Amino acid sequence: MHSKRRVFKGVWIPKEIWLSDLSAQETMLWAEINSLDNEFGCVAANSHFEETLRLKERQIREYLRRLKDKGLIEIDLNKAKNTRTIRCIGKYRRTQDEVRREIGDRVKTVVENLRYQD
């Protein structure tokens, strides 16, 4: 399983999401998924969303279904590995360029840290 890597920049919700017909809970769940959607996608368990958003698991499942039905997220279930990956789709899908840039930034940071250790 991949470790949780979050590039947390605060809470920012695009106006199209904020002004949409989403409930407040759906909006917060979408924003949390969007902030966790990295090169591996969002791999957070429902328990993470429960704790972060203070919602019940049943509510999380329902809000995930609604976000999927509204075309805002895709959910990939890998039963063989017992994993789930959630990705934002549409206008807010992470592009391969963003992923490459993020990975490149991490590699550069590691290399710089190694230089300073010598």
C-alpha atoms as a PDB file:
ATOM      1  CA  MET A   1       0.000   0.000   0.000  1.00  0.00           C
ATOM      2  CA  HIS A   2       1.256   3.485  -0.785  1.00  0.00           C
ATOM      3  CA  SER A   3       1.867   5.843   2.094  1.00  0.00           C
ATOM      4  CA  LYS A   4      -0.475   8.788   2.298  1.00  0.00           C
ATOM      5  CA  ARG A   5       1.194  11.758   0.681  1.00  0.00           C
ATOM      6  CA  ARG A   6      -0.751  14.926   0.805  1.00  0.00           C
ATOM      7  CA  VAL A   7       0.162  18.220  -0.691  1.00  0.00           C
ATOM      8  CA  PHE A   8      -2.064  20.192   1.662  1.00  0.00           C
ATOM      9  CA  LYS A   9      -2.342  23.840   0.706  1.00  0.00           C
ATOM     10  CA  GLY A  10      -5.393  24.708   2.744  1.00  0.00           C
ATOM     11  CA  VAL A  11      -8.990  24.470   1.745  1.00  0.00           C
ATOM     12  CA  TRP A  12      -9.861  25.741  -1.682  1.00  0.00           C
ATOM     13  CA  ILE A  13     -13.045  24.797  -3.447  1.00  0.00           C
ATOM     14  CA  PRO A  14     -13.481  25.802  -7.086  1.00  0.00           C
ATOM     15  CA  LYS A  15     -16.474  28.048  -7.720  1.00  0.00           C
ATOM     16  CA  GLU A  16     -18.057  25.466 -10.023  1.00  0.00           C
ATOM     17  CA  ILE A  17     -18.075  22.986  -7.137  1.00  0.00           C
ATOM     18  CA  TRP A  18     -19.071  25.581  -4.508  1.00  0.00           C
ATOM     19  CA  LEU A  19     -21.994  26.871  -6.587  1.00  0.00           C
ATOM     20  CA  SER A  20     -23.133  23.431  -7.734  1.00  0.00           C
ATOM     21  CA  ASP A  21     -26.070  21.432  -6.431  1.00  0.00           C
ATOM     22  CA  LEU A  22     -23.787  19.432  -4.100  1.00  0.00           C
ATOM     23  CA  SER A  23     -24.663  19.322  -0.421  1.00  0.00           C
ATOM     24  CA  ALA A  24     -22.173  20.802   2.049  1.00  0.00           C
ATOM     25  CA  GLN A  25     -21.058  17.277   2.988  1.00  0.00           C
ATOM     26  CA  GLU A  26     -20.587  16.235  -0.648  1.00  0.00           C
ATOM     27  CA  THR A  27     -18.593  19.415  -1.273  1.00  0.00           C
ATOM     28  CA  MET A  28     -16.305  18.755   1.709  1.00  0.00           C
ATOM     29  CA  LEU A  29     -15.831  15.115   0.697  1.00  0.00           C
ATOM     30  CA  TRP A  30     -15.004  16.129  -2.890  1.00  0.00           C
ATOM     31  CA  ALA A  31     -12.486  18.723  -1.606  1.00  0.00           C
ATOM     32  CA  GLU A  32     -10.843  16.113   0.643  1.00  0.00           C
ATOM     33  CA  ILE A  33     -10.607  13.607  -2.208  1.00  0.00           C
ATOM     34  CA  ASN A  34      -9.206  16.319  -4.491  1.00  0.00           C
ATOM     35  CA  SER A  35      -6.504  17.229  -1.954  1.00  0.00           C
ATOM     36  CA  LEU A  36      -5.509  13.558  -1.534  1.00  0.00           C
ATOM     37  CA  ASP A  37      -5.606  12.722  -5.262  1.00  0.00           C
ATOM     38  CA  ASN A  38      -1.886  12.365  -5.991  1.00  0.00           C
ATOM     39  CA  GLU A  39       0.048  10.245  -8.490  1.00  0.00           C
ATOM     40  CA  PHE A  40      -1.526   7.134  -6.952  1.00  0.00           C
ATOM     41  CA  GLY A  41      -5.009   8.620  -6.774  1.00  0.00           C
ATOM     42  CA  CYS A  42      -6.772   9.011  -3.445  1.00  0.00           C
ATOM     43  CA  VAL A  43      -6.345   5.772  -1.495  1.00  0.00           C
ATOM     44  CA  ALA A  44      -7.879   6.976   1.782  1.00  0.00           C
ATOM     45  CA  ALA A  45     -10.194   4.562   3.527  1.00  0.00           C
ATOM     46  CA  ASN A  46     -13.695   5.513   4.589  1.00  0.00           C
ATOM     47  CA  SER A  47     -12.384   5.678   8.164  1.00  0.00           C
ATOM     48  CA  HIS A  48     -10.160   8.609   7.128  1.00  0.00           C
ATOM     49  CA  PHE A  49     -13.161  10.484   5.737  1.00  0.00           C
ATOM     50  CA  GLU A  50     -15.207   9.623   8.822  1.00  0.00           C
ATOM     51  CA  GLU A  51     -12.543  11.053  11.116  1.00  0.00           C
ATOM     52  CA  THR A  52     -11.719  14.104   9.009  1.00  0.00           C
ATOM     53  CA  LEU A  53     -15.281  15.087   8.109  1.00  0.00           C
ATOM     54  CA  ARG A  54     -16.988  13.699  11.230  1.00  0.00           C
ATOM     55  CA  LEU A  55     -19.477  11.655   9.232  1.00  0.00           C
ATOM     56  CA  LYS A  56     -20.716   8.072   9.590  1.00  0.00           C
ATOM     57  CA  GLU A  57     -19.479   5.354   7.213  1.00  0.00           C
ATOM     58  CA  ARG A  58     -22.963   4.926   5.748  1.00  0.00           C
ATOM     59  CA  GLN A  59     -22.987   8.645   4.899  1.00  0.00           C
ATOM     60  CA  ILE A  60     -19.533   8.418   3.327  1.00  0.00           C
ATOM     61  CA  ARG A  61     -20.643   5.536   1.101  1.00  0.00           C
ATOM     62  CA  GLU A  62     -23.755   7.464   0.028  1.00  0.00           C
ATOM     63  CA  TYR A  63     -21.840  10.693  -0.710  1.00  0.00           C
ATOM     64  CA  LEU A  64     -19.206   8.770  -2.687  1.00  0.00           C
ATOM     65  CA  ARG A  65     -21.986   7.185  -4.760  1.00  0.00           C
ATOM     66  CA  ARG A  66     -23.552  10.606  -5.400  1.00  0.00           C
ATOM     67  CA  LEU A  67     -20.227  12.166  -6.437  1.00  0.00           C
ATOM     68  CA  LYS A  68     -19.645   9.251  -8.795  1.00  0.00           C
ATOM     69  CA  ASP A  69     -23.177   9.487 -10.228  1.00  0.00           C
ATOM     70  CA  LYS A  70     -22.657  13.227 -10.821  1.00  0.00           C
ATOM     71  CA  GLY A  71     -19.477  12.519 -12.794  1.00  0.00           C
ATOM     72  CA  LEU A  72     -17.094  14.198 -10.345  1.00  0.00           C
ATOM     73  CA  ILE A  73     -15.095  11.148  -9.245  1.00  0.00           C
ATOM     74  CA  GLU A  74     -14.257   7.670 -10.464  1.00  0.00           C
ATOM     75  CA  ILE A  75     -13.751   4.758  -8.107  1.00  0.00           C
ATOM     76  CA  ASP A  76     -11.529   1.842  -9.043  1.00  0.00           C
ATOM     77  CA  LEU A  77     -11.974  -1.270  -6.890  1.00  0.00           C
ATOM     78  CA  ASN A  78      -9.245  -3.893  -7.069  1.00  0.00           C
ATOM     79  CA  LYS A  79     -10.772  -6.915  -5.374  1.00  0.00           C
ATOM     80  CA  ALA A  80      -7.635  -9.020  -5.855  1.00  0.00           C
ATOM     81  CA  LYS A  81      -5.575  -6.536  -3.815  1.00  0.00           C
ATOM     82  CA  ASN A  82      -8.494  -5.388  -1.659  1.00  0.00           C
ATOM     83  CA  THR A  83      -7.817  -1.739  -2.547  1.00  0.00           C
ATOM     84  CA  ARG A  84      -9.810   1.238  -3.738  1.00  0.00           C
ATOM     85  CA  THR A  85      -8.575   4.267  -5.647  1.00  0.00           C
ATOM     86  CA  ILE A  86     -10.641   7.424  -6.060  1.00  0.00           C
ATOM     87  CA  ARG A  87      -9.771  10.051  -8.658  1.00  0.00           C
ATOM     88  CA  CYS A  88     -11.332  13.387  -9.479  1.00  0.00           C
ATOM     89  CA  ILE A  89     -12.473  13.466 -13.087  1.00  0.00           C
ATOM     90  CA  GLY A  90     -13.540  16.068 -15.580  1.00  0.00           C
ATOM     91  CA  LYS A  91     -12.072  19.544 -15.296  1.00  0.00           C
ATOM     92  CA  TYR A  92     -10.292  18.714 -12.023  1.00  0.00           C
ATOM     93  CA  ARG A  93      -8.563  15.481 -13.138  1.00  0.00           C
ATOM     94  CA  ARG A  94      -4.849  15.512 -12.402  1.00  0.00           C
ATOM     95  CA  THR A  95      -2.901  15.565 -15.636  1.00  0.00           C
ATOM     96  CA  GLN A  96       0.175  13.431 -16.282  1.00  0.00           C
ATOM     97  CA  ASP A  97       2.217  16.655 -16.476  1.00  0.00           C
ATOM     98  CA  GLU A  98       1.159  17.579 -12.927  1.00  0.00           C
ATOM     99  CA  VAL A  99       2.049  14.127 -11.686  1.00  0.00           C
ATOM    100  CA  ARG A 100       5.453  14.206 -13.422  1.00  0.00           C
ATOM    101  CA  ARG A 101       6.151  17.697 -12.041  1.00  0.00           C
ATOM    102  CA  GLU A 102       5.232  16.597  -8.514  1.00  0.00           C
ATOM    103  CA  ILE A 103       7.449  13.506  -8.727  1.00  0.00           C
ATOM    104  CA  GLY A 104      10.288  15.600 -10.186  1.00  0.00           C
ATOM    105  CA  ASP A 105       9.988  18.085  -7.318  1.00  0.00           C
ATOM    106  CA  ARG A 106      10.199  15.259  -4.790  1.00  0.00           C
ATOM    107  CA  VAL A 107      13.263  13.765  -6.473  1.00  0.00           C
ATOM    108  CA  LYS A 108      14.939  17.186  -6.554  1.00  0.00           C
ATOM    109  CA  THR A 109      14.257  17.661  -2.834  1.00  0.00           C
ATOM    110  CA  VAL A 110      15.715  14.245  -1.991  1.00  0.00           C
ATOM    111  CA  VAL A 111      18.832  14.938  -4.072  1.00  0.00           C
ATOM    112  CA  GLU A 112      19.300  18.347  -2.414  1.00  0.00           C
ATOM    113  CA  ASN A 113      18.895  16.804   1.043  1.00  0.00           C
ATOM    114  CA  LEU A 114      21.476  14.145   0.203  1.00  0.00           C
ATOM    115  CA  ARG A 115      23.947  16.824  -0.898  1.00  0.00           C
ATOM    116  CA  TYR A 116      23.604  18.655   2.421  1.00  0.00           C
ATOM    117  CA  GLN A 117      24.192  15.443   4.382  1.00  0.00           C
ATOM    118  CA  ASP A 118      27.644  14.894   2.831  1.00  0.00           C
END
